[in-house]
Amino acid sequence: MNGQQIIMTFPQDGRPVDPVPSAKTQPWYILGPQTGTAQGQSPGFFHDHVITTAPSEGGFTPFLHGYLVICSPEGISTGACTYNVETPPGGFPLPLTQSVPGYDLRFAADIRAAASAGLVVLVDTGAVSIGTEGPSS
């Protein structure tokens, strides 16, 4: 939230909601760790999360639609996108974006801008989870 670390809690243990409600959702970006300590500590799938808005801001919804942020072929071939190869549970290795010069990936707007520039690809997981957010301390 505004580039600050927050705590996310998933009452359904992080499993997707099934069936997906018709309620408003917000993007939930899953990318490579942005610091030395990943927010998601699943072995083989270390990752961080970025959301668009938090409860204290307008337009918040607890329904989070997941998107993987991976480096595009252009981003990789030009060296403009650095990544960690991570393997989601039951999935296959992915180049999860770690950094793109000129874009602060702690912000949803910068993630979308990097995608518009063709340096990253947003992969729709099709999963919607319910999550609450709060201060990290």
N, C-alpha and C. Protein backbone atom coordinates (compact mmCIF):
# COMPACT_ATOMS: atom_id res chain seq x y z
N MET A 1 0.86 -1.16 0.00
CA MET A 1 0.00 0.00 0.00
C MET A 1 0.91 1.22 0.00
N ASN A 2 0.82 2.01 -1.03
CA ASN A 2 1.68 3.19 -1.17
C ASN A 2 3.15 2.85 -0.99
N GLY A 3 3.55 1.66 -1.43
CA GLY A 3 4.93 1.24 -1.35
C GLY A 3 5.35 0.76 0.02
N GLN A 4 4.40 0.66 0.96
CA GLN A 4 4.71 0.22 2.31
C GLN A 4 4.29 -1.22 2.52
N GLN A 5 5.01 -1.91 3.36
CA GLN A 5 4.70 -3.29 3.68
C GLN A 5 3.46 -3.34 4.56
N ILE A 6 2.54 -4.24 4.24
CA ILE A 6 1.36 -4.48 5.06
C ILE A 6 1.22 -5.99 5.26
N ILE A 7 0.39 -6.39 6.18
CA ILE A 7 0.13 -7.80 6.42
C ILE A 7 -1.18 -8.19 5.74
N MET A 8 -1.15 -9.31 5.01
CA MET A 8 -2.36 -9.82 4.37
C MET A 8 -2.77 -11.09 5.11
N THR A 9 -4.07 -11.22 5.38
CA THR A 9 -4.61 -12.39 6.05
C THR A 9 -5.65 -13.01 5.15
N PHE A 10 -5.57 -14.34 4.98
CA PHE A 10 -6.51 -15.05 4.12
C PHE A 10 -7.30 -16.04 4.97
N PRO A 11 -8.58 -15.74 5.24
CA PRO A 11 -9.37 -16.62 6.11
C PRO A 11 -9.57 -18.01 5.53
N GLN A 12 -9.42 -18.17 4.22
CA GLN A 12 -9.61 -19.47 3.60
C GLN A 12 -8.27 -20.14 3.31
N ASP A 13 -7.23 -19.80 4.09
CA ASP A 13 -5.88 -20.36 3.96
C ASP A 13 -5.26 -20.10 2.59
N GLY A 14 -5.63 -18.98 1.97
CA GLY A 14 -5.03 -18.62 0.70
C GLY A 14 -5.59 -19.35 -0.50
N ARG A 15 -6.50 -20.27 -0.26
CA ARG A 15 -7.11 -20.99 -1.39
C ARG A 15 -8.07 -20.08 -2.11
N PRO A 16 -8.20 -20.25 -3.42
CA PRO A 16 -9.14 -19.42 -4.18
C PRO A 16 -10.58 -19.64 -3.73
N VAL A 17 -11.39 -18.62 -3.94
CA VAL A 17 -12.82 -18.69 -3.67
C VAL A 17 -13.46 -19.45 -4.83
N ASP A 18 -14.31 -20.42 -4.51
CA ASP A 18 -14.98 -21.18 -5.57
C ASP A 18 -16.41 -21.44 -5.14
N PRO A 19 -17.40 -20.99 -5.85
CA PRO A 19 -17.27 -20.23 -7.10
C PRO A 19 -16.89 -18.78 -6.83
N VAL A 20 -16.37 -18.12 -7.85
CA VAL A 20 -15.98 -16.73 -7.73
C VAL A 20 -17.24 -15.87 -7.60
N PRO A 21 -17.29 -15.01 -6.60
CA PRO A 21 -18.47 -14.16 -6.44
C PRO A 21 -18.53 -13.11 -7.55
N SER A 22 -19.70 -12.53 -7.73
CA SER A 22 -19.84 -11.48 -8.73
C SER A 22 -19.48 -10.12 -8.15
N ALA A 23 -18.92 -10.12 -6.94
CA ALA A 23 -18.51 -8.87 -6.30
C ALA A 23 -17.33 -8.25 -7.03
N LYS A 24 -17.15 -6.95 -6.81
CA LYS A 24 -16.02 -6.22 -7.36
C LYS A 24 -14.71 -6.84 -6.85
N THR A 25 -13.73 -6.98 -7.74
CA THR A 25 -12.42 -7.49 -7.35
C THR A 25 -11.36 -6.42 -7.60
N GLN A 26 -10.18 -6.62 -7.02
CA GLN A 26 -9.05 -5.76 -7.32
C GLN A 26 -7.87 -6.65 -7.72
N PRO A 27 -6.97 -6.14 -8.56
CA PRO A 27 -5.81 -6.93 -8.94
C PRO A 27 -4.91 -7.22 -7.74
N TRP A 28 -4.37 -8.42 -7.74
CA TRP A 28 -3.43 -8.87 -6.72
C TRP A 28 -2.23 -9.42 -7.49
N TYR A 29 -1.18 -8.62 -7.56
CA TYR A 29 -0.02 -8.96 -8.36
C TYR A 29 0.96 -9.80 -7.55
N ILE A 30 1.43 -10.88 -8.16
CA ILE A 30 2.37 -11.80 -7.52
C ILE A 30 3.65 -11.75 -8.34
N LEU A 31 4.75 -11.30 -7.72
CA LEU A 31 6.00 -11.12 -8.43
C LEU A 31 7.16 -11.62 -7.59
N GLY A 32 8.35 -11.60 -8.17
CA GLY A 32 9.54 -12.04 -7.45
C GLY A 32 9.79 -11.17 -6.23
N PRO A 33 10.49 -11.72 -5.24
CA PRO A 33 10.78 -10.97 -4.02
C PRO A 33 11.45 -9.62 -4.32
N GLN A 34 10.99 -8.59 -3.64
CA GLN A 34 11.53 -7.24 -3.82
C GLN A 34 12.59 -6.91 -2.77
N THR A 35 12.70 -7.75 -1.74
CA THR A 35 13.71 -7.57 -0.69
C THR A 35 14.33 -8.94 -0.41
N GLY A 36 15.21 -8.99 0.55
CA GLY A 36 15.85 -10.25 0.91
C GLY A 36 14.92 -11.23 1.60
N THR A 37 13.75 -10.77 2.05
CA THR A 37 12.78 -11.64 2.72
C THR A 37 11.48 -11.62 1.93
N ALA A 38 11.17 -12.72 1.29
CA ALA A 38 9.95 -12.82 0.49
C ALA A 38 8.72 -12.82 1.39
N GLN A 39 7.63 -12.21 0.90
CA GLN A 39 6.36 -12.23 1.64
C GLN A 39 5.75 -13.62 1.60
N GLY A 40 5.83 -14.28 0.45
CA GLY A 40 5.35 -15.65 0.30
C GLY A 40 6.53 -16.58 0.47
N GLN A 41 6.46 -17.43 1.49
CA GLN A 41 7.62 -18.25 1.85
C GLN A 41 7.50 -19.70 1.39
N SER A 42 6.60 -19.99 0.44
CA SER A 42 6.47 -21.37 -0.04
C SER A 42 7.79 -21.83 -0.65
N PRO A 43 8.37 -22.94 -0.18
CA PRO A 43 9.63 -23.41 -0.76
C PRO A 43 9.49 -23.60 -2.27
N GLY A 44 10.43 -23.06 -3.02
CA GLY A 44 10.40 -23.15 -4.47
C GLY A 44 9.54 -22.09 -5.13
N PHE A 45 8.77 -21.34 -4.32
CA PHE A 45 7.90 -20.30 -4.87
C PHE A 45 7.93 -19.07 -3.96
N PHE A 46 9.13 -18.53 -3.78
CA PHE A 46 9.27 -17.32 -2.98
C PHE A 46 8.76 -16.15 -3.81
N HIS A 47 7.92 -15.32 -3.21
CA HIS A 47 7.28 -14.25 -3.98
C HIS A 47 6.79 -13.13 -3.07
N ASP A 48 6.47 -12.00 -3.68
CA ASP A 48 5.87 -10.86 -3.00
C ASP A 48 4.51 -10.57 -3.63
N HIS A 49 3.72 -9.74 -2.96
CA HIS A 49 2.39 -9.36 -3.43
C HIS A 49 2.27 -7.84 -3.49
N VAL A 50 1.51 -7.36 -4.45
CA VAL A 50 1.18 -5.94 -4.54
C VAL A 50 -0.30 -5.84 -4.84
N ILE A 51 -1.00 -4.98 -4.10
CA ILE A 51 -2.42 -4.72 -4.37
C ILE A 51 -2.59 -3.26 -4.74
N THR A 52 -3.75 -2.94 -5.28
CA THR A 52 -4.02 -1.59 -5.76
C THR A 52 -4.43 -0.65 -4.64
N THR A 53 -5.32 -1.11 -3.76
CA THR A 53 -5.85 -0.22 -2.72
C THR A 53 -6.07 -1.00 -1.43
N ALA A 54 -6.00 -0.30 -0.32
CA ALA A 54 -6.15 -0.91 1.00
C ALA A 54 -7.44 -0.40 1.67
N PRO A 55 -7.84 -1.03 2.79
CA PRO A 55 -9.11 -0.64 3.44
C PRO A 55 -9.22 0.84 3.76
N SER A 56 -8.11 1.49 4.09
CA SER A 56 -8.17 2.91 4.45
C SER A 56 -8.34 3.83 3.24
N GLU A 57 -8.27 3.24 2.04
CA GLU A 57 -8.39 4.03 0.81
C GLU A 57 -9.72 3.73 0.13
N GLY A 58 -10.20 4.62 -0.68
CA GLY A 58 -11.45 4.41 -1.40
C GLY A 58 -11.33 3.30 -2.42
N GLY A 59 -12.43 2.62 -2.67
CA GLY A 59 -12.47 1.59 -3.69
C GLY A 59 -11.95 0.24 -3.26
N PHE A 60 -11.70 0.06 -1.96
CA PHE A 60 -11.17 -1.22 -1.48
C PHE A 60 -12.20 -2.33 -1.63
N THR A 61 -11.73 -3.51 -1.97
CA THR A 61 -12.53 -4.73 -1.92
C THR A 61 -11.62 -5.85 -1.41
N PRO A 62 -12.13 -6.76 -0.57
CA PRO A 62 -11.31 -7.86 -0.08
C PRO A 62 -11.16 -9.00 -1.09
N PHE A 63 -11.85 -8.92 -2.24
CA PHE A 63 -11.75 -9.97 -3.26
C PHE A 63 -10.58 -9.64 -4.18
N LEU A 64 -9.55 -10.49 -4.14
CA LEU A 64 -8.30 -10.24 -4.83
C LEU A 64 -8.14 -11.20 -6.01
N HIS A 65 -8.08 -10.64 -7.21
CA HIS A 65 -7.94 -11.43 -8.45
C HIS A 65 -6.45 -11.53 -8.77
N GLY A 66 -5.91 -12.75 -8.75
CA GLY A 66 -4.47 -12.97 -8.87
C GLY A 66 -3.92 -12.88 -10.29
N TYR A 67 -2.79 -12.17 -10.40
CA TYR A 67 -2.04 -12.07 -11.66
C TYR A 67 -0.57 -12.32 -11.36
N LEU A 68 0.04 -13.24 -12.08
CA LEU A 68 1.49 -13.44 -11.98
C LEU A 68 2.16 -12.37 -12.83
N VAL A 69 3.23 -11.79 -12.34
CA VAL A 69 3.99 -10.78 -13.08
C VAL A 69 5.28 -11.46 -13.52
N ILE A 70 5.36 -11.78 -14.81
CA ILE A 70 6.55 -12.45 -15.33
C ILE A 70 7.24 -11.56 -16.36
N CYS A 71 8.54 -11.75 -16.50
CA CYS A 71 9.28 -10.97 -17.49
C CYS A 71 8.86 -11.42 -18.89
N SER A 72 8.68 -10.46 -19.78
CA SER A 72 8.32 -10.77 -21.16
C SER A 72 9.58 -11.23 -21.90
N PRO A 73 9.41 -11.87 -23.05
CA PRO A 73 10.58 -12.22 -23.86
C PRO A 73 11.42 -10.99 -24.19
N GLU A 74 10.77 -9.86 -24.50
CA GLU A 74 11.50 -8.62 -24.78
C GLU A 74 12.27 -8.15 -23.56
N GLY A 75 11.62 -8.17 -22.40
CA GLY A 75 12.27 -7.74 -21.17
C GLY A 75 13.49 -8.59 -20.84
N ILE A 76 13.39 -9.90 -21.09
CA ILE A 76 14.51 -10.80 -20.83
C ILE A 76 15.62 -10.59 -21.86
N SER A 77 15.26 -10.54 -23.15
CA SER A 77 16.29 -10.45 -24.19
C SER A 77 17.06 -9.14 -24.15
N THR A 78 16.41 -8.06 -23.71
CA THR A 78 17.09 -6.77 -23.64
C THR A 78 17.78 -6.56 -22.30
N GLY A 79 17.54 -7.44 -21.35
CA GLY A 79 18.10 -7.29 -20.01
C GLY A 79 17.38 -6.25 -19.17
N ALA A 80 16.23 -5.76 -19.67
CA ALA A 80 15.48 -4.73 -18.95
C ALA A 80 14.64 -5.29 -17.81
N CYS A 81 14.53 -6.60 -17.73
CA CYS A 81 13.71 -7.22 -16.69
C CYS A 81 14.55 -8.31 -16.03
N THR A 82 14.76 -8.19 -14.72
CA THR A 82 15.44 -9.25 -13.99
C THR A 82 14.39 -10.07 -13.25
N TYR A 83 14.72 -11.33 -13.01
CA TYR A 83 13.72 -12.24 -12.47
C TYR A 83 14.36 -13.33 -11.63
N ASN A 84 13.50 -13.99 -10.86
CA ASN A 84 13.83 -15.22 -10.15
C ASN A 84 12.99 -16.31 -10.80
N VAL A 85 13.59 -17.44 -11.07
CA VAL A 85 12.80 -18.57 -11.56
C VAL A 85 12.19 -19.24 -10.34
N GLU A 86 10.87 -19.23 -10.30
CA GLU A 86 10.12 -19.80 -9.17
C GLU A 86 9.07 -20.76 -9.72
N THR A 87 8.74 -21.78 -8.94
CA THR A 87 7.77 -22.79 -9.37
C THR A 87 6.60 -22.83 -8.41
N PRO A 88 5.43 -22.32 -8.85
CA PRO A 88 4.24 -22.40 -7.98
C PRO A 88 3.88 -23.85 -7.69
N PRO A 89 3.28 -24.13 -6.54
CA PRO A 89 2.87 -25.51 -6.25
C PRO A 89 2.02 -26.08 -7.38
N GLY A 90 2.42 -27.23 -7.88
CA GLY A 90 1.69 -27.89 -8.96
C GLY A 90 1.89 -27.26 -10.32
N GLY A 91 2.76 -26.27 -10.42
CA GLY A 91 2.97 -25.58 -11.69
C GLY A 91 4.32 -25.89 -12.30
N PHE A 92 4.77 -24.99 -13.15
CA PHE A 92 6.05 -25.14 -13.81
C PHE A 92 6.86 -23.87 -13.60
N PRO A 93 8.18 -23.93 -13.78
CA PRO A 93 9.05 -22.78 -13.51
C PRO A 93 8.64 -21.54 -14.31
N LEU A 94 8.63 -20.39 -13.61
CA LEU A 94 8.25 -19.12 -14.22
C LEU A 94 9.30 -18.05 -13.91
N PRO A 95 9.56 -17.14 -14.85
CA PRO A 95 10.47 -16.02 -14.57
C PRO A 95 9.72 -14.89 -13.86
N LEU A 96 9.51 -15.04 -12.54
CA LEU A 96 8.78 -14.01 -11.77
C LEU A 96 9.63 -12.74 -11.72
N THR A 97 9.04 -11.64 -12.13
CA THR A 97 9.74 -10.36 -12.21
C THR A 97 10.25 -9.93 -10.85
N GLN A 98 11.52 -9.53 -10.83
CA GLN A 98 12.11 -9.00 -9.61
C GLN A 98 12.36 -7.50 -9.73
N SER A 99 12.80 -7.04 -10.90
CA SER A 99 13.00 -5.60 -11.08
C SER A 99 12.96 -5.22 -12.55
N VAL A 100 12.55 -3.98 -12.79
CA VAL A 100 12.54 -3.37 -14.12
C VAL A 100 12.99 -1.93 -13.91
N PRO A 101 14.20 -1.56 -14.39
CA PRO A 101 14.67 -0.19 -14.18
C PRO A 101 13.65 0.84 -14.66
N GLY A 102 13.44 1.86 -13.83
CA GLY A 102 12.49 2.92 -14.17
C GLY A 102 11.08 2.66 -13.66
N TYR A 103 10.85 1.48 -13.07
CA TYR A 103 9.53 1.13 -12.55
C TYR A 103 9.69 0.63 -11.13
N ASP A 104 8.93 1.22 -10.20
CA ASP A 104 8.95 0.79 -8.80
C ASP A 104 7.86 -0.26 -8.64
N LEU A 105 8.26 -1.51 -8.60
CA LEU A 105 7.31 -2.61 -8.61
C LEU A 105 6.58 -2.80 -7.28
N ARG A 106 6.77 -1.89 -6.34
CA ARG A 106 5.97 -1.90 -5.11
C ARG A 106 4.63 -1.21 -5.33
N PHE A 107 4.43 -0.66 -6.53
CA PHE A 107 3.22 0.08 -6.86
C PHE A 107 2.50 -0.58 -8.04
N ALA A 108 1.20 -0.79 -7.89
CA ALA A 108 0.41 -1.41 -8.94
C ALA A 108 0.48 -0.61 -10.25
N ALA A 109 0.47 0.72 -10.16
CA ALA A 109 0.52 1.56 -11.36
C ALA A 109 1.82 1.32 -12.14
N ASP A 110 2.93 1.12 -11.44
CA ASP A 110 4.21 0.86 -12.11
C ASP A 110 4.23 -0.54 -12.73
N ILE A 111 3.61 -1.49 -12.08
CA ILE A 111 3.52 -2.84 -12.66
C ILE A 111 2.73 -2.77 -13.96
N ARG A 112 1.60 -2.07 -13.94
CA ARG A 112 0.79 -1.94 -15.17
C ARG A 112 1.55 -1.18 -16.25
N ALA A 113 2.32 -0.16 -15.87
CA ALA A 113 3.10 0.62 -16.84
C ALA A 113 4.20 -0.25 -17.47
N ALA A 114 4.86 -1.08 -16.67
CA ALA A 114 5.88 -1.99 -17.20
C ALA A 114 5.25 -2.99 -18.17
N ALA A 115 4.02 -3.41 -17.88
CA ALA A 115 3.30 -4.31 -18.79
C ALA A 115 2.96 -3.58 -20.08
N SER A 116 2.50 -2.34 -19.98
CA SER A 116 2.17 -1.55 -21.18
C SER A 116 3.41 -1.31 -22.04
N ALA A 117 4.58 -1.22 -21.40
CA ALA A 117 5.83 -1.02 -22.13
C ALA A 117 6.34 -2.33 -22.75
N GLY A 118 5.66 -3.44 -22.46
CA GLY A 118 6.05 -4.73 -23.03
C GLY A 118 7.19 -5.42 -22.31
N LEU A 119 7.54 -4.95 -21.12
CA LEU A 119 8.68 -5.52 -20.38
C LEU A 119 8.28 -6.65 -19.45
N VAL A 120 7.02 -6.66 -19.03
CA VAL A 120 6.48 -7.75 -18.22
C VAL A 120 5.14 -8.18 -18.81
N VAL A 121 4.73 -9.37 -18.45
CA VAL A 121 3.44 -9.91 -18.87
C VAL A 121 2.65 -10.22 -17.61
N LEU A 122 1.38 -9.83 -17.60
CA LEU A 122 0.49 -10.14 -16.48
C LEU A 122 -0.30 -11.38 -16.85
N VAL A 123 -0.06 -12.46 -16.14
CA VAL A 123 -0.71 -13.73 -16.42
C VAL A 123 -1.88 -13.90 -15.46
N ASP A 124 -3.08 -13.90 -16.00
CA ASP A 124 -4.30 -14.05 -15.20
C ASP A 124 -4.37 -15.47 -14.67
N THR A 125 -4.31 -15.63 -13.36
CA THR A 125 -4.39 -16.96 -12.76
C THR A 125 -5.82 -17.49 -12.75
N GLY A 126 -6.80 -16.59 -12.92
CA GLY A 126 -8.19 -16.99 -12.83
C GLY A 126 -8.66 -17.17 -11.40
N ALA A 127 -7.74 -17.04 -10.45
CA ALA A 127 -8.07 -17.26 -9.04
C ALA A 127 -8.46 -15.96 -8.35
N VAL A 128 -9.49 -16.05 -7.53
CA VAL A 128 -9.90 -14.93 -6.68
C VAL A 128 -9.86 -15.43 -5.24
N SER A 129 -9.15 -14.68 -4.40
CA SER A 129 -9.05 -15.01 -2.98
C SER A 129 -9.65 -13.87 -2.17
N ILE A 130 -10.02 -14.18 -0.93
CA ILE A 130 -10.49 -13.15 -0.01
C ILE A 130 -9.34 -12.84 0.92
N GLY A 131 -9.00 -11.55 1.03
CA GLY A 131 -7.90 -11.19 1.90
C GLY A 131 -8.18 -9.88 2.60
N THR A 132 -7.68 -9.77 3.80
CA THR A 132 -7.75 -8.52 4.53
C THR A 132 -6.33 -7.99 4.67
N GLU A 133 -6.20 -6.69 4.75
CA GLU A 133 -4.90 -6.06 4.84
C GLU A 133 -4.86 -5.16 6.06
N GLY A 134 -3.69 -5.05 6.64
CA GLY A 134 -3.52 -4.18 7.78
C GLY A 134 -2.07 -3.80 7.95
N PRO A 135 -1.77 -2.90 8.88
CA PRO A 135 -0.39 -2.44 9.09
C PRO A 135 0.53 -3.61 9.43
N SER A 136 1.80 -3.47 9.05
CA SER A 136 2.77 -4.55 9.29
C SER A 136 3.27 -4.55 10.73
N SER A 137 2.96 -3.52 11.48
CA SER A 137 3.40 -3.51 12.89
C SER A 137 2.26 -3.26 13.82
